[in-house]
Amino acid sequence: MIDCIIPARSGSKGIPKKNITLLEDLPLIAYSIFVAISAKRIKNVYVSTDSEEIAEIANLYGAKTPFLRPSYLASDKASDKQVFLHFYQEAYKLNIPITEDIVHLRPTTPGRSIEIVDQAILDFLLSNKCTSMRSAHKSFFHPHKWFNLNEGYFNPLIRGVSNIEVTNMPRQSFPDVYIPNGYVDIVKYSTFKFSGAFHGNKIKSFITEKVIDIDKHDDLKKAMKEPIIKKLSKSIKKKYLF
């Protein structure tokens, strides 16, 4: 059993109050909270936020918000590492025990399977060599075929590619690449406290299908068509008798 932190700041450029905007008549953050609470391997679900409004909504759906984070940790420049360090430091001051390993769920990724989250935690706990785990999906596009733009001229994006004709090779010629997607990440306090990197240098992979990340209003429209979203919204409404 490990704890979970869901970071949810109040500010957002694409969608105002994005983390509590409605999706199927439910606040966006409710989906992540529900999955975390329903996962059998998650002990406590905490929300880190600078907003009393978000904290109140998070509490309504069963998450804990023992304190608010300061405004300087709620800007788009604040890093995950800073946010998580602050949460551990404040929890320590209040004698709130937080597990060494912690599940990191982003509220902007609502379409998760409870069973897949549980499987990710199990895989992580069975691995004693990794410094963290990150979920990702296989990319159809490949960065070996991409360019940087420099003073009006294209250069290969991948450093070390001396022959620009490499960018014309078939996609199948290159090794598979994966895009981090926020489905479920797991980090270690000892890693991000004592190393310079939030995830450390030995990141265990967890491959998932592509999942919708809510950034624009169009993403909300796409999410409403997803079967997993409809299934979760029904379960959440049933649980809370909406």
C-alpha atoms as a PDB file:
ATOM      1  CA  MET A   1       0.000   0.000   0.000  1.00  0.00           C
ATOM      2  CA  ILE A   2       1.343   3.401  -0.962  1.00  0.00           C
ATOM      3  CA  ASP A   3      -0.007   6.947  -0.896  1.00  0.00           C
ATOM      4  CA  CYS A   4      -1.036   9.126  -3.824  1.00  0.00           C
ATOM      5  CA  ILE A   5      -0.604  12.839  -4.513  1.00  0.00           C
ATOM      6  CA  ILE A   6      -2.702  14.663  -7.104  1.00  0.00           C
ATOM      7  CA  PRO A   7      -1.276  18.140  -7.858  1.00  0.00           C
ATOM      8  CA  ALA A   8      -4.002  20.615  -8.840  1.00  0.00           C
ATOM      9  CA  ARG A   9      -3.144  24.299  -9.076  1.00  0.00           C
ATOM     10  CA  SER A  10      -5.824  26.919  -9.645  1.00  0.00           C
ATOM     11  CA  GLY A  11      -4.265  28.662 -12.644  1.00  0.00           C
ATOM     12  CA  SER A  12      -4.529  27.509 -16.251  1.00  0.00           C
ATOM     13  CA  LYS A  13      -4.042  29.297 -19.570  1.00  0.00           C
ATOM     14  CA  GLY A  14      -5.938  26.951 -21.898  1.00  0.00           C
ATOM     15  CA  ILE A  15      -9.075  26.365 -19.800  1.00  0.00           C
ATOM     16  CA  PRO A  16      -9.856  28.638 -16.810  1.00  0.00           C
ATOM     17  CA  LYS A  17      -9.963  26.600 -13.592  1.00  0.00           C
ATOM     18  CA  LYS A  18      -9.155  23.559 -15.698  1.00  0.00           C
ATOM     19  CA  ASN A  19      -8.738  21.098 -12.836  1.00  0.00           C
ATOM     20  CA  ILE A  20     -12.332  21.618 -11.709  1.00  0.00           C
ATOM     21  CA  THR A  21     -13.943  22.292 -15.081  1.00  0.00           C
ATOM     22  CA  LEU A  22     -16.888  19.993 -15.723  1.00  0.00           C
ATOM     23  CA  LEU A  23     -16.609  16.785 -17.712  1.00  0.00           C
ATOM     24  CA  GLU A  24     -19.869  14.822 -17.882  1.00  0.00           C
ATOM     25  CA  ASP A  25     -21.164  17.144 -15.140  1.00  0.00           C
ATOM     26  CA  LEU A  26     -18.293  16.234 -12.816  1.00  0.00           C
ATOM     27  CA  PRO A  27     -15.203  18.261 -11.847  1.00  0.00           C
ATOM     28  CA  LEU A  28     -12.217  17.021 -13.836  1.00  0.00           C
ATOM     29  CA  ILE A  29     -10.260  16.246 -10.674  1.00  0.00           C
ATOM     30  CA  ALA A  30     -13.029  13.919  -9.465  1.00  0.00           C
ATOM     31  CA  TYR A  31     -11.969  11.278 -12.007  1.00  0.00           C
ATOM     32  CA  SER A  32      -8.403  11.017 -10.706  1.00  0.00           C
ATOM     33  CA  ILE A  33      -9.559  11.046  -7.087  1.00  0.00           C
ATOM     34  CA  PHE A  34     -12.118   8.311  -7.726  1.00  0.00           C
ATOM     35  CA  VAL A  35      -9.593   6.049  -9.471  1.00  0.00           C
ATOM     36  CA  ALA A  36      -7.027   6.590  -6.698  1.00  0.00           C
ATOM     37  CA  ILE A  37      -9.529   5.905  -3.911  1.00  0.00           C
ATOM     38  CA  SER A  38     -10.813   2.810  -5.730  1.00  0.00           C
ATOM     39  CA  ALA A  39      -7.347   1.350  -6.367  1.00  0.00           C
ATOM     40  CA  LYS A  40      -6.730  -1.424  -3.850  1.00  0.00           C
ATOM     41  CA  ARG A  41      -3.001  -0.661  -3.544  1.00  0.00           C
ATOM     42  CA  ILE A  42      -3.391   3.061  -2.725  1.00  0.00           C
ATOM     43  CA  LYS A  43      -3.672   3.890   0.970  1.00  0.00           C
ATOM     44  CA  ASN A  44      -4.272   7.653   1.193  1.00  0.00           C
ATOM     45  CA  VAL A  45      -5.187  10.134  -1.540  1.00  0.00           C
ATOM     46  CA  TYR A  46      -3.904  13.692  -1.106  1.00  0.00           C
ATOM     47  CA  VAL A  47      -4.433  16.752  -3.282  1.00  0.00           C
ATOM     48  CA  SER A  48      -1.789  19.460  -3.388  1.00  0.00           C
ATOM     49  CA  THR A  49      -3.384  22.771  -4.331  1.00  0.00           C
ATOM     50  CA  ASP A  50      -3.183  26.507  -3.754  1.00  0.00           C
ATOM     51  CA  SER A  51      -6.958  26.885  -4.030  1.00  0.00           C
ATOM     52  CA  GLU A  52      -9.502  26.619  -1.223  1.00  0.00           C
ATOM     53  CA  GLU A  53     -12.170  25.951  -3.858  1.00  0.00           C
ATOM     54  CA  ILE A  54     -10.258  22.999  -5.303  1.00  0.00           C
ATOM     55  CA  ALA A  55      -9.522  21.734  -1.787  1.00  0.00           C
ATOM     56  CA  GLU A  56     -13.226  21.823  -0.906  1.00  0.00           C
ATOM     57  CA  ILE A  57     -14.171  19.917  -4.065  1.00  0.00           C
ATOM     58  CA  ALA A  58     -11.366  17.403  -3.519  1.00  0.00           C
ATOM     59  CA  ASN A  59     -12.631  16.767   0.026  1.00  0.00           C
ATOM     60  CA  LEU A  60     -16.151  16.251  -1.309  1.00  0.00           C
ATOM     61  CA  TYR A  61     -14.889  13.358  -3.427  1.00  0.00           C
ATOM     62  CA  GLY A  62     -12.855  11.808  -0.631  1.00  0.00           C
ATOM     63  CA  ALA A  63      -9.340  13.207  -1.035  1.00  0.00           C
ATOM     64  CA  LYS A  64      -7.378  14.798   1.818  1.00  0.00           C
ATOM     65  CA  THR A  65      -6.065  18.377   1.657  1.00  0.00           C
ATOM     66  CA  PRO A  66      -4.301  18.959   4.993  1.00  0.00           C
ATOM     67  CA  PHE A  67      -2.797  22.283   3.851  1.00  0.00           C
ATOM     68  CA  LEU A  68      -2.535  24.603   0.848  1.00  0.00           C
ATOM     69  CA  ARG A  69       0.623  25.189  -1.117  1.00  0.00           C
ATOM     70  CA  PRO A  70       1.976  28.742  -1.550  1.00  0.00           C
ATOM     71  CA  SER A  71       1.247  30.742  -4.697  1.00  0.00           C
ATOM     72  CA  TYR A  72       4.850  30.575  -5.914  1.00  0.00           C
ATOM     73  CA  LEU A  73       4.424  26.804  -6.216  1.00  0.00           C
ATOM     74  CA  ALA A  74       1.235  27.228  -8.241  1.00  0.00           C
ATOM     75  CA  SER A  75       2.691  28.989 -11.264  1.00  0.00           C
ATOM     76  CA  ASP A  76       3.340  27.252 -14.584  1.00  0.00           C
ATOM     77  CA  LYS A  77       7.052  27.506 -13.794  1.00  0.00           C
ATOM     78  CA  ALA A  78       6.871  25.450 -10.588  1.00  0.00           C
ATOM     79  CA  SER A  79       8.279  21.939 -11.042  1.00  0.00           C
ATOM     80  CA  ASP A  80       6.774  18.659  -9.866  1.00  0.00           C
ATOM     81  CA  LYS A  81       9.847  18.169  -7.702  1.00  0.00           C
ATOM     82  CA  GLN A  82       9.248  21.469  -5.873  1.00  0.00           C
ATOM     83  CA  VAL A  83       5.569  20.672  -5.335  1.00  0.00           C
ATOM     84  CA  PHE A  84       6.243  17.188  -3.976  1.00  0.00           C
ATOM     85  CA  LEU A  85       9.090  18.334  -1.719  1.00  0.00           C
ATOM     86  CA  HIS A  86       6.820  21.001  -0.263  1.00  0.00           C
ATOM     87  CA  PHE A  87       4.101  18.433   0.390  1.00  0.00           C
ATOM     88  CA  TYR A  88       6.473  16.113   2.252  1.00  0.00           C
ATOM     89  CA  GLN A  89       7.974  18.969   4.273  1.00  0.00           C
ATOM     90  CA  GLU A  90       4.595  20.315   5.358  1.00  0.00           C
ATOM     91  CA  ALA A  91       3.263  16.824   6.111  1.00  0.00           C
ATOM     92  CA  TYR A  92       6.304  16.208   8.325  1.00  0.00           C
ATOM     93  CA  LYS A  93       5.578  19.409  10.282  1.00  0.00           C
ATOM     94  CA  LEU A  94       2.025  18.191  10.923  1.00  0.00           C
ATOM     95  CA  ASN A  95       3.116  14.643  11.793  1.00  0.00           C
ATOM     96  CA  ILE A  96       1.308  13.231   8.771  1.00  0.00           C
ATOM     97  CA  PRO A  97       3.087  10.036   7.692  1.00  0.00           C
ATOM     98  CA  ILE A  98       3.558   9.809   3.904  1.00  0.00           C
ATOM     99  CA  THR A  99       4.902   6.645   2.313  1.00  0.00           C
ATOM    100  CA  GLU A 100       8.379   6.684   0.750  1.00  0.00           C
ATOM    101  CA  ASP A 101       6.918   5.628  -2.592  1.00  0.00           C
ATOM    102  CA  ILE A 102       4.134   7.819  -3.927  1.00  0.00           C
ATOM    103  CA  VAL A 103       1.733   7.543  -6.855  1.00  0.00           C
ATOM    104  CA  HIS A 104       1.587  10.701  -8.962  1.00  0.00           C
ATOM    105  CA  LEU A 105      -1.718  11.203 -10.797  1.00  0.00           C
ATOM    106  CA  ARG A 106      -2.393  14.310 -12.856  1.00  0.00           C
ATOM    107  CA  PRO A 107      -6.013  15.531 -12.839  1.00  0.00           C
ATOM    108  CA  THR A 108      -5.765  16.384 -16.544  1.00  0.00           C
ATOM    109  CA  THR A 109      -5.649  12.673 -17.412  1.00  0.00           C
ATOM    110  CA  PRO A 110      -9.130  11.493 -16.423  1.00  0.00           C
ATOM    111  CA  GLY A 111      -9.501   8.324 -18.513  1.00  0.00           C
ATOM    112  CA  ARG A 112      -7.753   5.751 -16.360  1.00  0.00           C
ATOM    113  CA  SER A 113      -8.583   2.153 -15.532  1.00  0.00           C
ATOM    114  CA  ILE A 114      -8.485   1.328 -11.828  1.00  0.00           C
ATOM    115  CA  GLU A 115      -7.100  -2.121 -12.624  1.00  0.00           C
ATOM    116  CA  ILE A 116      -4.271  -0.714 -14.751  1.00  0.00           C
ATOM    117  CA  VAL A 117      -3.264   1.715 -11.992  1.00  0.00           C
ATOM    118  CA  ASP A 118      -3.168  -1.180  -9.535  1.00  0.00           C
ATOM    119  CA  GLN A 119      -1.072  -3.233 -11.958  1.00  0.00           C
ATOM    120  CA  ALA A 120       1.415  -0.379 -12.331  1.00  0.00           C
ATOM    121  CA  ILE A 121       1.818  -0.149  -8.552  1.00  0.00           C
ATOM    122  CA  LEU A 122       2.370  -3.892  -8.293  1.00  0.00           C
ATOM    123  CA  ASP A 123       5.003  -3.835 -11.054  1.00  0.00           C
ATOM    124  CA  PHE A 124       6.755  -0.965  -9.314  1.00  0.00           C
ATOM    125  CA  LEU A 125       6.737  -2.623  -5.899  1.00  0.00           C
ATOM    126  CA  LEU A 126       8.162  -5.818  -7.377  1.00  0.00           C
ATOM    127  CA  SER A 127      11.084  -3.908  -8.860  1.00  0.00           C
ATOM    128  CA  ASN A 128      13.824  -3.042  -6.364  1.00  0.00           C
ATOM    129  CA  LYS A 129      16.213  -1.403  -8.834  1.00  0.00           C
ATOM    130  CA  CYS A 130      14.245   1.519 -10.277  1.00  0.00           C
ATOM    131  CA  THR A 131      14.270   5.113  -9.037  1.00  0.00           C
ATOM    132  CA  SER A 132      10.741   5.746 -10.361  1.00  0.00           C
ATOM    133  CA  MET A 133       8.137   4.560 -12.845  1.00  0.00           C
ATOM    134  CA  ARG A 134       6.594   6.477 -15.739  1.00  0.00           C
ATOM    135  CA  SER A 135       3.768   5.493 -18.027  1.00  0.00           C
ATOM    136  CA  ALA A 136       4.061   6.107 -21.755  1.00  0.00           C
ATOM    137  CA  HIS A 137       2.493   5.075 -25.044  1.00  0.00           C
ATOM    138  CA  LYS A 138       4.192   4.119 -28.271  1.00  0.00           C
ATOM    139  CA  SER A 139       4.571   6.991 -30.711  1.00  0.00           C
ATOM    140  CA  PHE A 140       3.529   6.651 -34.337  1.00  0.00           C
ATOM    141  CA  PHE A 141       5.776   9.586 -35.231  1.00  0.00           C
ATOM    142  CA  HIS A 142       9.535   9.405 -34.818  1.00  0.00           C
ATOM    143  CA  PRO A 143      11.926  12.217 -33.764  1.00  0.00           C
ATOM    144  CA  HIS A 144      14.626  10.940 -36.139  1.00  0.00           C
ATOM    145  CA  LYS A 145      12.454  12.385 -38.907  1.00  0.00           C
ATOM    146  CA  TRP A 146      12.007  15.777 -37.249  1.00  0.00           C
ATOM    147  CA  PHE A 147      13.891  19.056 -37.667  1.00  0.00           C
ATOM    148  CA  ASN A 148      15.074  22.012 -35.652  1.00  0.00           C
ATOM    149  CA  LEU A 149      14.887  25.408 -37.365  1.00  0.00           C
ATOM    150  CA  ASN A 150      18.061  27.472 -37.257  1.00  0.00           C
ATOM    151  CA  GLU A 151      18.234  30.824 -39.085  1.00  0.00           C
ATOM    152  CA  GLY A 152      15.858  29.650 -41.796  1.00  0.00           C
ATOM    153  CA  TYR A 153      17.458  26.208 -42.284  1.00  0.00           C
ATOM    154  CA  PHE A 154      16.382  22.763 -41.102  1.00  0.00           C
ATOM    155  CA  ASN A 155      18.727  20.595 -39.034  1.00  0.00           C
ATOM    156  CA  PRO A 156      18.011  17.062 -37.750  1.00  0.00           C
ATOM    157  CA  LEU A 157      16.418  17.170 -34.305  1.00  0.00           C
ATOM    158  CA  ILE A 158      18.425  14.184 -33.060  1.00  0.00           C
ATOM    159  CA  ARG A 159      21.966  15.194 -32.287  1.00  0.00           C
ATOM    160  CA  GLY A 160      24.622  13.047 -33.882  1.00  0.00           C
ATOM    161  CA  VAL A 161      22.734  12.575 -37.156  1.00  0.00           C
ATOM    162  CA  SER A 162      25.361  13.774 -39.599  1.00  0.00           C
ATOM    163  CA  ASN A 163      23.575  12.665 -42.770  1.00  0.00           C
ATOM    164  CA  ILE A 164      20.344  14.605 -43.202  1.00  0.00           C
ATOM    165  CA  GLU A 165      19.030  11.843 -45.497  1.00  0.00           C
ATOM    166  CA  VAL A 166      18.415   9.818 -42.351  1.00  0.00           C
ATOM    167  CA  THR A 167      15.274  11.948 -41.933  1.00  0.00           C
ATOM    168  CA  ASN A 168      13.909  10.434 -45.163  1.00  0.00           C
ATOM    169  CA  MET A 169      14.215   6.839 -44.002  1.00  0.00           C
ATOM    170  CA  PRO A 170      11.003   4.868 -43.303  1.00  0.00           C
ATOM    171  CA  ARG A 171       9.669   5.127 -39.774  1.00  0.00           C
ATOM    172  CA  GLN A 172      10.037   1.360 -39.409  1.00  0.00           C
ATOM    173  CA  SER A 173      13.811   1.770 -39.767  1.00  0.00           C
ATOM    174  CA  PHE A 174      14.090   3.373 -36.357  1.00  0.00           C
ATOM    175  CA  PRO A 175      13.719   1.874 -32.871  1.00  0.00           C
ATOM    176  CA  ASP A 176      10.381   2.365 -31.126  1.00  0.00           C
ATOM    177  CA  VAL A 177       9.972   5.562 -29.114  1.00  0.00           C
ATOM    178  CA  TYR A 178       7.499   6.297 -26.332  1.00  0.00           C
ATOM    179  CA  ILE A 179       5.719   9.445 -25.137  1.00  0.00           C
ATOM    180  CA  PRO A 180       5.155   9.988 -21.374  1.00  0.00           C
ATOM    181  CA  ASN A 181       1.409  10.365 -20.923  1.00  0.00           C
ATOM    182  CA  GLY A 182       0.579  10.892 -17.239  1.00  0.00           C
ATOM    183  CA  TYR A 183      -1.536   7.754 -16.963  1.00  0.00           C
ATOM    184  CA  VAL A 184       0.253   6.715 -13.778  1.00  0.00           C
ATOM    185  CA  ASP A 185       3.675   7.718 -12.477  1.00  0.00           C
ATOM    186  CA  ILE A 186       5.328   6.586  -9.249  1.00  0.00           C
ATOM    187  CA  VAL A 187       8.203   8.391  -7.557  1.00  0.00           C
ATOM    188  CA  LYS A 188      10.384   7.897  -4.499  1.00  0.00           C
ATOM    189  CA  TYR A 189      10.884  10.564  -1.850  1.00  0.00           C
ATOM    190  CA  SER A 190      14.508   9.551  -1.320  1.00  0.00           C
ATOM    191  CA  THR A 191      15.162   9.956  -5.044  1.00  0.00           C
ATOM    192  CA  PHE A 192      13.834  13.477  -5.557  1.00  0.00           C
ATOM    193  CA  LYS A 193      15.059  14.677  -2.154  1.00  0.00           C
ATOM    194  CA  PHE A 194      18.670  13.609  -2.528  1.00  0.00           C
ATOM    195  CA  SER A 195      19.219  13.610  -6.297  1.00  0.00           C
ATOM    196  CA  GLY A 196      18.967  16.403  -8.809  1.00  0.00           C
ATOM    197  CA  ALA A 197      16.209  14.675 -10.769  1.00  0.00           C
ATOM    198  CA  PHE A 198      12.569  14.123  -9.879  1.00  0.00           C
ATOM    199  CA  HIS A 199      12.466  10.651 -11.442  1.00  0.00           C
ATOM    200  CA  GLY A 200      16.104   9.669 -10.942  1.00  0.00           C
ATOM    201  CA  ASN A 201      18.217   7.892 -13.541  1.00  0.00           C
ATOM    202  CA  LYS A 202      16.576   4.455 -13.631  1.00  0.00           C
ATOM    203  CA  ILE A 203      12.977   4.977 -14.705  1.00  0.00           C
ATOM    204  CA  LYS A 204      10.932   1.790 -14.931  1.00  0.00           C
ATOM    205  CA  SER A 205       8.675   1.700 -17.974  1.00  0.00           C
ATOM    206  CA  PHE A 206       4.936   1.098 -17.880  1.00  0.00           C
ATOM    207  CA  ILE A 207       3.415   0.951 -21.354  1.00  0.00           C
ATOM    208  CA  THR A 208      -0.215   1.968 -21.775  1.00  0.00           C
ATOM    209  CA  GLU A 209      -2.544   2.892 -24.585  1.00  0.00           C
ATOM    210  CA  LYS A 210      -2.693   6.539 -25.590  1.00  0.00           C
ATOM    211  CA  VAL A 211      -4.839   8.534 -23.186  1.00  0.00           C
ATOM    212  CA  ILE A 212      -6.495  11.925 -23.559  1.00  0.00           C
ATOM    213  CA  ASP A 213      -4.747  14.805 -21.796  1.00  0.00           C
ATOM    214  CA  ILE A 214      -7.042  17.748 -21.135  1.00  0.00           C
ATOM    215  CA  ASP A 215      -5.415  20.989 -22.226  1.00  0.00           C
ATOM    216  CA  LYS A 216      -7.957  22.700 -24.504  1.00  0.00           C
ATOM    217  CA  HIS A 217     -11.737  22.788 -24.819  1.00  0.00           C
ATOM    218  CA  ASP A 218     -11.495  20.439 -27.814  1.00  0.00           C
ATOM    219  CA  ASP A 219      -9.928  17.840 -25.522  1.00  0.00           C
ATOM    220  CA  LEU A 220     -13.007  17.963 -23.305  1.00  0.00           C
ATOM    221  CA  LYS A 221     -15.221  17.288 -26.317  1.00  0.00           C
ATOM    222  CA  LYS A 222     -13.055  14.311 -27.305  1.00  0.00           C
ATOM    223  CA  ALA A 223     -13.046  12.978 -23.736  1.00  0.00           C
ATOM    224  CA  MET A 224     -16.851  12.960 -23.598  1.00  0.00           C
ATOM    225  CA  LYS A 225     -16.838  10.414 -26.443  1.00  0.00           C
ATOM    226  CA  GLU A 226     -14.493   8.031 -24.644  1.00  0.00           C
ATOM    227  CA  PRO A 227     -16.138   4.867 -23.221  1.00  0.00           C
ATOM    228  CA  ILE A 228     -13.817   4.902 -20.183  1.00  0.00           C
ATOM    229  CA  ILE A 229     -14.975   8.434 -19.305  1.00  0.00           C
ATOM    230  CA  LYS A 230     -18.644   7.465 -19.564  1.00  0.00           C
ATOM    231  CA  LYS A 231     -18.008   4.383 -17.425  1.00  0.00           C
ATOM    232  CA  LEU A 232     -16.148   6.342 -14.750  1.00  0.00           C
ATOM    233  CA  SER A 233     -18.694   9.158 -14.661  1.00  0.00           C
ATOM    234  CA  LYS A 234     -21.506   6.668 -14.030  1.00  0.00           C
ATOM    235  CA  SER A 235     -19.519   5.003 -11.247  1.00  0.00           C
ATOM    236  CA  ILE A 236     -18.658   8.333  -9.613  1.00  0.00           C
ATOM    237  CA  LYS A 237     -22.258   9.574  -9.744  1.00  0.00           C
ATOM    238  CA  LYS A 238     -23.488   6.280  -8.332  1.00  0.00           C
ATOM    239  CA  LYS A 239     -20.962   6.376  -5.493  1.00  0.00           C
ATOM    240  CA  TYR A 240     -21.862   9.915  -4.504  1.00  0.00           C
ATOM    241  CA  LEU A 241     -25.579   9.564  -5.312  1.00  0.00           C
ATOM    242  CA  PHE A 242     -25.642  12.384  -7.867  1.00  0.00           C
END
